[in-house]
């Protein structure tokens, strides 16, 4: 079962004096690219939280947000009264004004608010980790649902490639006959006596040169391998990407050997389908 790297997960925790929200968004990326946003008070736990996320998501461009909203009387921000009074006294010496006006001016000055560093309660932190794990469950469910859509699309396109390959197989005898006729006509146009045995040997050589039997067999095997890998228990976008490269190699070889317009048209259609698979493959975990 494949998974998409696109996903979103959110979980909200209500504590007695705080509302904690965890949000995780992810997009496709070759590796894990994790960006974390959280209050300064929780930065000491960032490394551990990153490890939890990395063990669950593995790949993708991930945005992790931890938002804390105070819902009770608790606050860590206080007015620094001493600093405010000093500002007001200095302002009185510069300009006349009533106390209210001087207070408004003083409150705009630096360092009038002080924040007491709050130690994280271990019980609260455990709740936050549980909330993170719930958000990770949701984003992985989202990724799995997106993966099902991708899988259905891949199956349809692989089926189309199989059908196109069958058409290639069907017209291959006609192609070989056309190549043989073309060579025989070219020899006849020379209007010279040609050794029949030597001509037959040269004809066999050219027909073997344009033979695509091995490419047809390998392409069919690669398509079947892609399908079986798609249905495996693990999501492995990189492995499927490598199989796509092998599929493309066989299609290109058939195209270079075709020397027959109807077959080359089928090859173009096969390349188009494969490109669409490759585009979607960038989003597979």
C-alpha atoms as a PDB file:
ATOM      1  CA  UNK A   1       0.000   0.000   0.000  1.00  0.00           C
ATOM      2  CA  UNK A   2       1.596   3.239  -1.089  1.00  0.00           C
ATOM      3  CA  UNK A   3       1.326   6.516   0.795  1.00  0.00           C
ATOM      4  CA  UNK A   4       1.336  10.065  -0.490  1.00  0.00           C
ATOM      5  CA  UNK A   5       3.737  12.580   1.016  1.00  0.00           C
ATOM      6  CA  UNK A   6       0.940  15.174   0.998  1.00  0.00           C
ATOM      7  CA  UNK A   7      -1.036  15.283   4.225  1.00  0.00           C
ATOM      8  CA  UNK A   8      -2.466  17.258   7.122  1.00  0.00           C
ATOM      9  CA  UNK A   9      -3.050  16.343  10.729  1.00  0.00           C
ATOM     10  CA  UNK A  10      -4.381  18.380  13.653  1.00  0.00           C
ATOM     11  CA  UNK A  11      -5.224  17.601  17.249  1.00  0.00           C
ATOM     12  CA  UNK A  12      -6.328  19.902  20.082  1.00  0.00           C
ATOM     13  CA  UNK A  13      -5.644  19.346  23.784  1.00  0.00           C
ATOM     14  CA  UNK A  14      -7.584  21.248  26.460  1.00  0.00           C
ATOM     15  CA  UNK A  15      -5.713  21.570  29.760  1.00  0.00           C
ATOM     16  CA  UNK A  16      -7.102  23.330  32.866  1.00  0.00           C
ATOM     17  CA  UNK A  17      -5.441  26.652  31.999  1.00  0.00           C
ATOM     18  CA  UNK A  18      -4.210  26.103  28.412  1.00  0.00           C
ATOM     19  CA  UNK A  19      -5.407  25.089  24.996  1.00  0.00           C
ATOM     20  CA  UNK A  20      -2.683  23.259  23.063  1.00  0.00           C
ATOM     21  CA  UNK A  21      -3.013  22.777  19.305  1.00  0.00           C
ATOM     22  CA  UNK A  22      -0.682  20.623  17.203  1.00  0.00           C
ATOM     23  CA  UNK A  23      -0.758  20.964  13.416  1.00  0.00           C
ATOM     24  CA  UNK A  24       1.349  19.013  10.919  1.00  0.00           C
ATOM     25  CA  UNK A  25       1.391  19.620   7.162  1.00  0.00           C
ATOM     26  CA  UNK A  26       3.535  17.784   4.627  1.00  0.00           C
ATOM     27  CA  UNK A  27       4.416  18.019   0.928  1.00  0.00           C
ATOM     28  CA  UNK A  28       6.712  15.973  -1.274  1.00  0.00           C
ATOM     29  CA  UNK A  29      10.474  16.076  -0.799  1.00  0.00           C
ATOM     30  CA  UNK A  30      13.402  13.722  -1.490  1.00  0.00           C
ATOM     31  CA  UNK A  31      14.152  13.519   2.233  1.00  0.00           C
ATOM     32  CA  UNK A  32      12.681  14.693   5.531  1.00  0.00           C
ATOM     33  CA  UNK A  33      12.734  18.501   5.641  1.00  0.00           C
ATOM     34  CA  UNK A  34      11.193  19.485   8.968  1.00  0.00           C
ATOM     35  CA  UNK A  35      10.320  23.047   9.975  1.00  0.00           C
ATOM     36  CA  UNK A  36       9.129  23.531  13.577  1.00  0.00           C
ATOM     37  CA  UNK A  37       7.241  26.470  15.102  1.00  0.00           C
ATOM     38  CA  UNK A  38       6.594  26.532  18.849  1.00  0.00           C
ATOM     39  CA  UNK A  39       6.642  28.891  21.846  1.00  0.00           C
ATOM     40  CA  UNK A  40      10.083  29.674  23.221  1.00  0.00           C
ATOM     41  CA  UNK A  41       9.251  27.960  26.507  1.00  0.00           C
ATOM     42  CA  UNK A  42       8.988  24.603  24.706  1.00  0.00           C
ATOM     43  CA  UNK A  43      12.174  24.908  22.624  1.00  0.00           C
ATOM     44  CA  UNK A  44      14.132  22.717  25.021  1.00  0.00           C
ATOM     45  CA  UNK A  45      11.895  19.812  23.970  1.00  0.00           C
ATOM     46  CA  UNK A  46      12.190  20.484  20.232  1.00  0.00           C
ATOM     47  CA  UNK A  47      14.792  17.795  19.526  1.00  0.00           C
ATOM     48  CA  UNK A  48      12.702  15.056  21.128  1.00  0.00           C
ATOM     49  CA  UNK A  49       9.563  16.208  19.309  1.00  0.00           C
ATOM     50  CA  UNK A  50      11.486  16.211  16.016  1.00  0.00           C
ATOM     51  CA  UNK A  51      12.577  12.608  16.625  1.00  0.00           C
ATOM     52  CA  UNK A  52       8.963  11.542  17.223  1.00  0.00           C
ATOM     53  CA  UNK A  53       7.891  13.185  13.943  1.00  0.00           C
ATOM     54  CA  UNK A  54      10.844  11.763  11.968  1.00  0.00           C
ATOM     55  CA  UNK A  55      10.124   8.208  13.175  1.00  0.00           C
ATOM     56  CA  UNK A  56       6.541   8.481  11.895  1.00  0.00           C
ATOM     57  CA  UNK A  57       6.751  10.490   8.661  1.00  0.00           C
ATOM     58  CA  UNK A  58      10.221   9.529   7.325  1.00  0.00           C
ATOM     59  CA  UNK A  59      10.079  11.692   4.157  1.00  0.00           C
ATOM     60  CA  UNK A  60       8.501  14.937   3.011  1.00  0.00           C
ATOM     61  CA  UNK A  61       8.666  18.685   3.531  1.00  0.00           C
ATOM     62  CA  UNK A  62       6.969  18.904   6.927  1.00  0.00           C
ATOM     63  CA  UNK A  63       5.680  21.965   8.785  1.00  0.00           C
ATOM     64  CA  UNK A  64       5.084  21.295  12.489  1.00  0.00           C
ATOM     65  CA  UNK A  65       3.280  23.866  14.608  1.00  0.00           C
ATOM     66  CA  UNK A  66       2.746  23.792  18.369  1.00  0.00           C
ATOM     67  CA  UNK A  67       0.383  26.568  19.517  1.00  0.00           C
ATOM     68  CA  UNK A  68      -0.408  27.292  23.177  1.00  0.00           C
ATOM     69  CA  UNK A  69      -3.299  29.547  24.188  1.00  0.00           C
ATOM     70  CA  UNK A  70      -3.783  30.513  27.846  1.00  0.00           C
ATOM     71  CA  UNK A  71      -7.403  30.031  28.866  1.00  0.00           C
ATOM     72  CA  UNK A  72      -7.090  30.605  32.645  1.00  0.00           C
ATOM     73  CA  UNK A  73      -5.644  33.253  34.929  1.00  0.00           C
ATOM     74  CA  UNK A  74      -2.129  31.942  34.462  1.00  0.00           C
ATOM     75  CA  UNK A  75       0.327  34.260  32.748  1.00  0.00           C
ATOM     76  CA  UNK A  76       4.106  34.548  32.582  1.00  0.00           C
ATOM     77  CA  UNK A  77       4.137  38.167  31.354  1.00  0.00           C
ATOM     78  CA  UNK A  78       4.203  41.022  33.892  1.00  0.00           C
ATOM     79  CA  UNK A  79       4.615  44.788  33.734  1.00  0.00           C
ATOM     80  CA  UNK A  80       8.022  45.864  34.987  1.00  0.00           C
ATOM     81  CA  UNK A  81       6.796  48.665  37.262  1.00  0.00           C
ATOM     82  CA  UNK A  82      10.275  49.901  38.190  1.00  0.00           C
ATOM     83  CA  UNK A  83      11.252  50.400  34.558  1.00  0.00           C
ATOM     84  CA  UNK A  84       7.925  52.128  33.760  1.00  0.00           C
ATOM     85  CA  UNK A  85       8.342  54.625  36.626  1.00  0.00           C
ATOM     86  CA  UNK A  86      11.908  55.395  35.552  1.00  0.00           C
ATOM     87  CA  UNK A  87      10.701  56.099  32.017  1.00  0.00           C
ATOM     88  CA  UNK A  88       7.924  58.380  33.322  1.00  0.00           C
ATOM     89  CA  UNK A  89      10.345  60.348  35.516  1.00  0.00           C
ATOM     90  CA  UNK A  90      12.707  60.823  32.574  1.00  0.00           C
ATOM     91  CA  UNK A  91       9.859  61.897  30.302  1.00  0.00           C
ATOM     92  CA  UNK A  92       8.720  64.516  32.890  1.00  0.00           C
ATOM     93  CA  UNK A  93      12.123  66.124  32.613  1.00  0.00           C
ATOM     94  CA  UNK A  94      11.756  66.366  28.835  1.00  0.00           C
ATOM     95  CA  UNK A  95       8.146  67.466  28.389  1.00  0.00           C
ATOM     96  CA  UNK A  96       5.164  68.408  30.501  1.00  0.00           C
ATOM     97  CA  UNK A  97       2.151  66.107  30.466  1.00  0.00           C
ATOM     98  CA  UNK A  98      -0.411  64.437  32.651  1.00  0.00           C
ATOM     99  CA  UNK A  99       0.323  61.093  34.282  1.00  0.00           C
ATOM    100  CA  UNK A 100      -1.910  59.112  31.867  1.00  0.00           C
ATOM    101  CA  UNK A 101      -0.176  60.537  28.802  1.00  0.00           C
ATOM    102  CA  UNK A 102       3.266  59.877  30.268  1.00  0.00           C
ATOM    103  CA  UNK A 103       2.199  56.302  31.132  1.00  0.00           C
ATOM    104  CA  UNK A 104       1.067  55.659  27.543  1.00  0.00           C
ATOM    105  CA  UNK A 105       4.429  56.892  26.283  1.00  0.00           C
ATOM    106  CA  UNK A 106       6.372  54.847  28.838  1.00  0.00           C
ATOM    107  CA  UNK A 107       4.549  51.602  27.959  1.00  0.00           C
ATOM    108  CA  UNK A 108       5.811  51.892  24.387  1.00  0.00           C
ATOM    109  CA  UNK A 109       9.427  51.874  25.541  1.00  0.00           C
ATOM    110  CA  UNK A 110      11.651  48.739  25.594  1.00  0.00           C
ATOM    111  CA  UNK A 111      11.764  46.303  28.528  1.00  0.00           C
ATOM    112  CA  UNK A 112       8.507  47.437  30.144  1.00  0.00           C
ATOM    113  CA  UNK A 113       7.248  43.860  30.036  1.00  0.00           C
ATOM    114  CA  UNK A 114       9.118  41.032  31.661  1.00  0.00           C
ATOM    115  CA  UNK A 115       8.585  37.331  31.086  1.00  0.00           C
ATOM    116  CA  UNK A 116       9.362  34.791  33.753  1.00  0.00           C
ATOM    117  CA  UNK A 117      10.730  31.602  32.230  1.00  0.00           C
ATOM    118  CA  UNK A 118       8.278  28.846  32.914  1.00  0.00           C
ATOM    119  CA  UNK A 119       9.485  25.319  33.572  1.00  0.00           C
ATOM    120  CA  UNK A 120       7.517  22.739  31.594  1.00  0.00           C
ATOM    121  CA  UNK A 121       5.486  20.469  33.797  1.00  0.00           C
ATOM    122  CA  UNK A 122       6.304  16.828  32.954  1.00  0.00           C
ATOM    123  CA  UNK A 123       2.656  15.802  33.103  1.00  0.00           C
ATOM    124  CA  UNK A 124       1.743  18.603  30.702  1.00  0.00           C
ATOM    125  CA  UNK A 125       4.607  17.647  28.394  1.00  0.00           C
ATOM    126  CA  UNK A 126       3.435  14.039  28.302  1.00  0.00           C
ATOM    127  CA  UNK A 127      -0.010  15.287  27.240  1.00  0.00           C
ATOM    128  CA  UNK A 128       1.644  17.348  24.491  1.00  0.00           C
ATOM    129  CA  UNK A 129       3.525  14.283  23.212  1.00  0.00           C
ATOM    130  CA  UNK A 130       0.271  12.309  23.162  1.00  0.00           C
ATOM    131  CA  UNK A 131      -1.356  15.151  21.240  1.00  0.00           C
ATOM    132  CA  UNK A 132       1.509  15.103  18.736  1.00  0.00           C
ATOM    133  CA  UNK A 133       1.085  11.357  18.256  1.00  0.00           C
ATOM    134  CA  UNK A 134      -2.650  11.826  17.618  1.00  0.00           C
ATOM    135  CA  UNK A 135      -1.869  14.460  14.986  1.00  0.00           C
ATOM    136  CA  UNK A 136       0.651  12.068  13.404  1.00  0.00           C
ATOM    137  CA  UNK A 137      -2.003   9.338  13.248  1.00  0.00           C
ATOM    138  CA  UNK A 138      -4.314  11.744  11.417  1.00  0.00           C
ATOM    139  CA  UNK A 139      -1.706  12.887   8.907  1.00  0.00           C
ATOM    140  CA  UNK A 140      -0.765   9.278   8.174  1.00  0.00           C
ATOM    141  CA  UNK A 141      -4.440   8.430   7.623  1.00  0.00           C
ATOM    142  CA  UNK A 142      -4.599  11.398   5.238  1.00  0.00           C
ATOM    143  CA  UNK A 143      -1.464  10.164   3.447  1.00  0.00           C
ATOM    144  CA  UNK A 144      -2.909   6.669   3.117  1.00  0.00           C
ATOM    145  CA  UNK A 145      -6.142   7.989   1.595  1.00  0.00           C
ATOM    146  CA  UNK A 146      -4.154  10.074  -0.883  1.00  0.00           C
ATOM    147  CA  UNK A 147      -2.044   6.986  -1.579  1.00  0.00           C
ATOM    148  CA  UNK A 148      -5.152   4.993  -2.557  1.00  0.00           C
ATOM    149  CA  UNK A 149      -6.015   7.640  -5.156  1.00  0.00           C
ATOM    150  CA  UNK A 150      -2.468   7.518  -6.544  1.00  0.00           C
ATOM    151  CA  UNK A 151      -2.519   3.720  -6.611  1.00  0.00           C
ATOM    152  CA  UNK A 152      -5.729   3.631  -8.632  1.00  0.00           C
ATOM    153  CA  UNK A 153      -4.225   6.114 -11.094  1.00  0.00           C
ATOM    154  CA  UNK A 154      -1.032   4.056 -11.428  1.00  0.00           C
ATOM    155  CA  UNK A 155      -2.976   0.843 -12.008  1.00  0.00           C
ATOM    156  CA  UNK A 156      -4.977   2.458 -14.810  1.00  0.00           C
ATOM    157  CA  UNK A 157      -1.847   3.809 -16.486  1.00  0.00           C
ATOM    158  CA  UNK A 158       0.028   0.499 -16.171  1.00  0.00           C
ATOM    159  CA  UNK A 159      -3.009  -1.205 -17.713  1.00  0.00           C
ATOM    160  CA  UNK A 160      -2.843   1.309 -20.581  1.00  0.00           C
ATOM    161  CA  UNK A 161       0.868   0.543 -21.053  1.00  0.00           C
ATOM    162  CA  UNK A 162       0.080  -3.189 -21.170  1.00  0.00           C
ATOM    163  CA  UNK A 163      -2.559  -2.550 -23.841  1.00  0.00           C
ATOM    164  CA  UNK A 164      -0.137  -0.454 -25.893  1.00  0.00           C
ATOM    165  CA  UNK A 165       2.526  -3.153 -25.557  1.00  0.00           C
ATOM    166  CA  UNK A 166       0.032  -5.739 -26.828  1.00  0.00           C
ATOM    167  CA  UNK A 167      -0.587  -3.529 -29.856  1.00  0.00           C
ATOM    168  CA  UNK A 168       3.159  -3.352 -30.423  1.00  0.00           C
ATOM    169  CA  UNK A 169       3.315  -7.143 -30.281  1.00  0.00           C
ATOM    170  CA  UNK A 170       0.393  -7.450 -32.708  1.00  0.00           C
ATOM    171  CA  UNK A 171       1.925  -5.202 -35.393  1.00  0.00           C
ATOM    172  CA  UNK A 172       5.487  -6.467 -34.999  1.00  0.00           C
ATOM    173  CA  UNK A 173       5.158  -9.171 -37.730  1.00  0.00           C
ATOM    174  CA  UNK A 174       3.853  -6.508 -40.131  1.00  0.00           C
ATOM    175  CA  UNK A 175       6.772  -4.264 -39.189  1.00  0.00           C
ATOM    176  CA  UNK A 176       9.310  -7.007 -39.892  1.00  0.00           C
ATOM    177  CA  UNK A 177       7.652  -7.743 -43.225  1.00  0.00           C
ATOM    178  CA  UNK A 178       7.775  -4.050 -44.136  1.00  0.00           C
ATOM    179  CA  UNK A 179      11.477  -3.831 -43.243  1.00  0.00           C
ATOM    180  CA  UNK A 180      12.187  -6.944 -45.352  1.00  0.00           C
ATOM    181  CA  UNK A 181      10.309  -5.506 -48.338  1.00  0.00           C
ATOM    182  CA  UNK A 182      12.159  -2.218 -47.998  1.00  0.00           C
ATOM    183  CA  UNK A 183      15.544  -3.950 -48.036  1.00  0.00           C
ATOM    184  CA  UNK A 184      14.604  -6.178 -50.982  1.00  0.00           C
ATOM    185  CA  UNK A 185      13.449  -3.132 -52.954  1.00  0.00           C
ATOM    186  CA  UNK A 186      16.662  -1.281 -52.147  1.00  0.00           C
ATOM    187  CA  UNK A 187      18.700  -4.232 -53.489  1.00  0.00           C
ATOM    188  CA  UNK A 188      16.491  -4.519 -56.601  1.00  0.00           C
ATOM    189  CA  UNK A 189      17.049  -0.835 -57.360  1.00  0.00           C
ATOM    190  CA  UNK A 190      20.787  -1.430 -57.501  1.00  0.00           C
ATOM    191  CA  UNK A 191      20.188  -3.472 -60.715  1.00  0.00           C
ATOM    192  CA  UNK A 192      23.215  -5.645 -60.181  1.00  0.00           C
ATOM    193  CA  UNK A 193      23.577  -9.362 -59.768  1.00  0.00           C
ATOM    194  CA  UNK A 194      23.371 -10.156 -56.048  1.00  0.00           C
ATOM    195  CA  UNK A 195      24.420 -13.399 -54.430  1.00  0.00           C
ATOM    196  CA  UNK A 196      21.175 -14.816 -53.013  1.00  0.00           C
ATOM    197  CA  UNK A 197      22.826 -16.544 -50.053  1.00  0.00           C
ATOM    198  CA  UNK A 198      24.835 -13.472 -49.104  1.00  0.00           C
ATOM    199  CA  UNK A 199      21.748 -11.301 -49.429  1.00  0.00           C
ATOM    200  CA  UNK A 200      19.792 -13.638 -47.170  1.00  0.00           C
ATOM    201  CA  UNK A 201      22.555 -13.480 -44.560  1.00  0.00           C
ATOM    202  CA  UNK A 202      22.619  -9.694 -44.677  1.00  0.00           C
ATOM    203  CA  UNK A 203      18.822  -9.614 -44.466  1.00  0.00           C
ATOM    204  CA  UNK A 204      18.854 -11.805 -41.363  1.00  0.00           C
ATOM    205  CA  UNK A 205      21.520  -9.529 -39.842  1.00  0.00           C
ATOM    206  CA  UNK A 206      19.383  -6.413 -40.340  1.00  0.00           C
ATOM    207  CA  UNK A 207      16.219  -8.117 -39.125  1.00  0.00           C
ATOM    208  CA  UNK A 208      18.064  -9.225 -35.973  1.00  0.00           C
ATOM    209  CA  UNK A 209      19.367  -5.676 -35.540  1.00  0.00           C
ATOM    210  CA  UNK A 210      15.791  -4.399 -35.491  1.00  0.00           C
ATOM    211  CA  UNK A 211      14.451  -7.321 -33.455  1.00  0.00           C
ATOM    212  CA  UNK A 212      12.596  -6.197 -30.293  1.00  0.00           C
ATOM    213  CA  UNK A 213      11.684  -9.579 -28.823  1.00  0.00           C
ATOM    214  CA  UNK A 214      13.831  -9.112 -25.711  1.00  0.00           C
ATOM    215  CA  UNK A 215      12.574  -5.562 -25.166  1.00  0.00           C
ATOM    216  CA  UNK A 216       8.940  -6.707 -25.352  1.00  0.00           C
ATOM    217  CA  UNK A 217       9.561  -9.458 -22.784  1.00  0.00           C
ATOM    218  CA  UNK A 218      11.513  -7.191 -20.422  1.00  0.00           C
ATOM    219  CA  UNK A 219       8.939  -4.397 -20.678  1.00  0.00           C
ATOM    220  CA  UNK A 220       6.116  -6.804 -19.818  1.00  0.00           C
ATOM    221  CA  UNK A 221       8.123  -8.075 -16.832  1.00  0.00           C
ATOM    222  CA  UNK A 222       8.828  -4.532 -15.605  1.00  0.00           C
ATOM    223  CA  UNK A 223       5.144  -3.612 -15.824  1.00  0.00           C
ATOM    224  CA  UNK A 224       4.188  -6.710 -13.825  1.00  0.00           C
ATOM    225  CA  UNK A 225       6.934  -5.952 -11.279  1.00  0.00           C
ATOM    226  CA  UNK A 226       5.635  -2.404 -10.882  1.00  0.00           C
ATOM    227  CA  UNK A 227       2.142  -3.737 -10.163  1.00  0.00           C
ATOM    228  CA  UNK A 228       3.348  -6.296  -7.599  1.00  0.00           C
ATOM    229  CA  UNK A 229       5.512  -3.670  -5.850  1.00  0.00           C
ATOM    230  CA  UNK A 230       2.540  -1.312  -5.815  1.00  0.00           C
ATOM    231  CA  UNK A 231       0.544  -3.908  -3.863  1.00  0.00           C
ATOM    232  CA  UNK A 232       3.299  -4.702  -1.339  1.00  0.00           C
ATOM    233  CA  UNK A 233       2.783  -3.902   2.349  1.00  0.00           C
ATOM    234  CA  UNK A 234       5.383  -1.123   2.450  1.00  0.00           C
ATOM    235  CA  UNK A 235       5.183   2.186   0.606  1.00  0.00           C
ATOM    236  CA  UNK A 236       8.346   2.464  -1.468  1.00  0.00           C
ATOM    237  CA  UNK A 237       8.244   5.367  -3.882  1.00  0.00           C
ATOM    238  CA  UNK A 238      11.989   5.208  -4.569  1.00  0.00           C
ATOM    239  CA  UNK A 239      11.787   1.560  -5.666  1.00  0.00           C
ATOM    240  CA  UNK A 240       8.830   2.295  -7.922  1.00  0.00           C
ATOM    241  CA  UNK A 241      10.825   5.202  -9.356  1.00  0.00           C
ATOM    242  CA  UNK A 242      13.689   2.844 -10.258  1.00  0.00           C
ATOM    243  CA  UNK A 243      11.243   0.473 -11.967  1.00  0.00           C
ATOM    244  CA  UNK A 244       9.901   3.444 -13.968  1.00  0.00           C
ATOM    245  CA  UNK A 245      13.445   4.110 -15.185  1.00  0.00           C
ATOM    246  CA  UNK A 246      13.710   0.515 -16.441  1.00  0.00           C
ATOM    247  CA  UNK A 247      10.309   0.766 -18.124  1.00  0.00           C
ATOM    248  CA  UNK A 248      11.428   3.953 -19.853  1.00  0.00           C
ATOM    249  CA  UNK A 249      14.657   2.321 -21.023  1.00  0.00           C
ATOM    250  CA  UNK A 250      12.786  -0.516 -22.761  1.00  0.00           C
ATOM    251  CA  UNK A 251      10.255   1.870 -24.343  1.00  0.00           C
ATOM    252  CA  UNK A 252      13.086   4.029 -25.700  1.00  0.00           C
ATOM    253  CA  UNK A 253      14.882   1.002 -27.162  1.00  0.00           C
ATOM    254  CA  UNK A 254      11.708  -0.196 -28.875  1.00  0.00           C
ATOM    255  CA  UNK A 255      11.299   3.294 -30.306  1.00  0.00           C
ATOM    256  CA  UNK A 256      14.862   3.421 -31.616  1.00  0.00           C
ATOM    257  CA  UNK A 257      14.540  -0.011 -33.245  1.00  0.00           C
ATOM    258  CA  UNK A 258      10.990   0.385 -34.534  1.00  0.00           C
ATOM    259  CA  UNK A 259      11.732   1.914 -37.963  1.00  0.00           C
ATOM    260  CA  UNK A 260       7.991   1.682 -38.553  1.00  0.00           C
ATOM    261  CA  UNK A 261       5.632   4.656 -38.192  1.00  0.00           C
ATOM    262  CA  UNK A 262       2.616   2.837 -36.610  1.00  0.00           C
ATOM    263  CA  UNK A 263       4.880   1.365 -33.919  1.00  0.00           C
ATOM    264  CA  UNK A 264       6.604   4.681 -33.286  1.00  0.00           C
ATOM    265  CA  UNK A 265       3.196   6.250 -32.711  1.00  0.00           C
ATOM    266  CA  UNK A 266       2.477   3.609 -30.062  1.00  0.00           C
ATOM    267  CA  UNK A 267       5.857   4.326 -28.472  1.00  0.00           C
ATOM    268  CA  UNK A 268       4.981   8.035 -28.215  1.00  0.00           C
ATOM    269  CA  UNK A 269       1.744   7.125 -26.414  1.00  0.00           C
ATOM    270  CA  UNK A 270       3.669   4.844 -24.052  1.00  0.00           C
ATOM    271  CA  UNK A 271       6.148   7.616 -23.248  1.00  0.00           C
ATOM    272  CA  UNK A 272       3.273   9.992 -22.521  1.00  0.00           C
ATOM    273  CA  UNK A 273       1.691   7.548 -20.057  1.00  0.00           C
ATOM    274  CA  UNK A 274       5.030   6.889 -18.376  1.00  0.00           C
ATOM    275  CA  UNK A 275       5.691  10.622 -17.941  1.00  0.00           C
ATOM    276  CA  UNK A 276       2.354  10.991 -16.161  1.00  0.00           C
ATOM    277  CA  UNK A 277       3.314   8.150 -13.835  1.00  0.00           C
ATOM    278  CA  UNK A 278       6.690   9.785 -13.119  1.00  0.00           C
ATOM    279  CA  UNK A 279       5.040  13.110 -12.282  1.00  0.00           C
ATOM    280  CA  UNK A 280       2.761  11.447  -9.744  1.00  0.00           C
ATOM    281  CA  UNK A 281       5.601   9.281  -8.447  1.00  0.00           C
ATOM    282  CA  UNK A 282       7.318  12.377  -7.023  1.00  0.00           C
ATOM    283  CA  UNK A 283       4.581  12.489  -4.387  1.00  0.00           C
ATOM    284  CA  UNK A 284       4.873   8.844  -3.280  1.00  0.00           C
ATOM    285  CA  UNK A 285       6.514   8.113   0.076  1.00  0.00           C
END
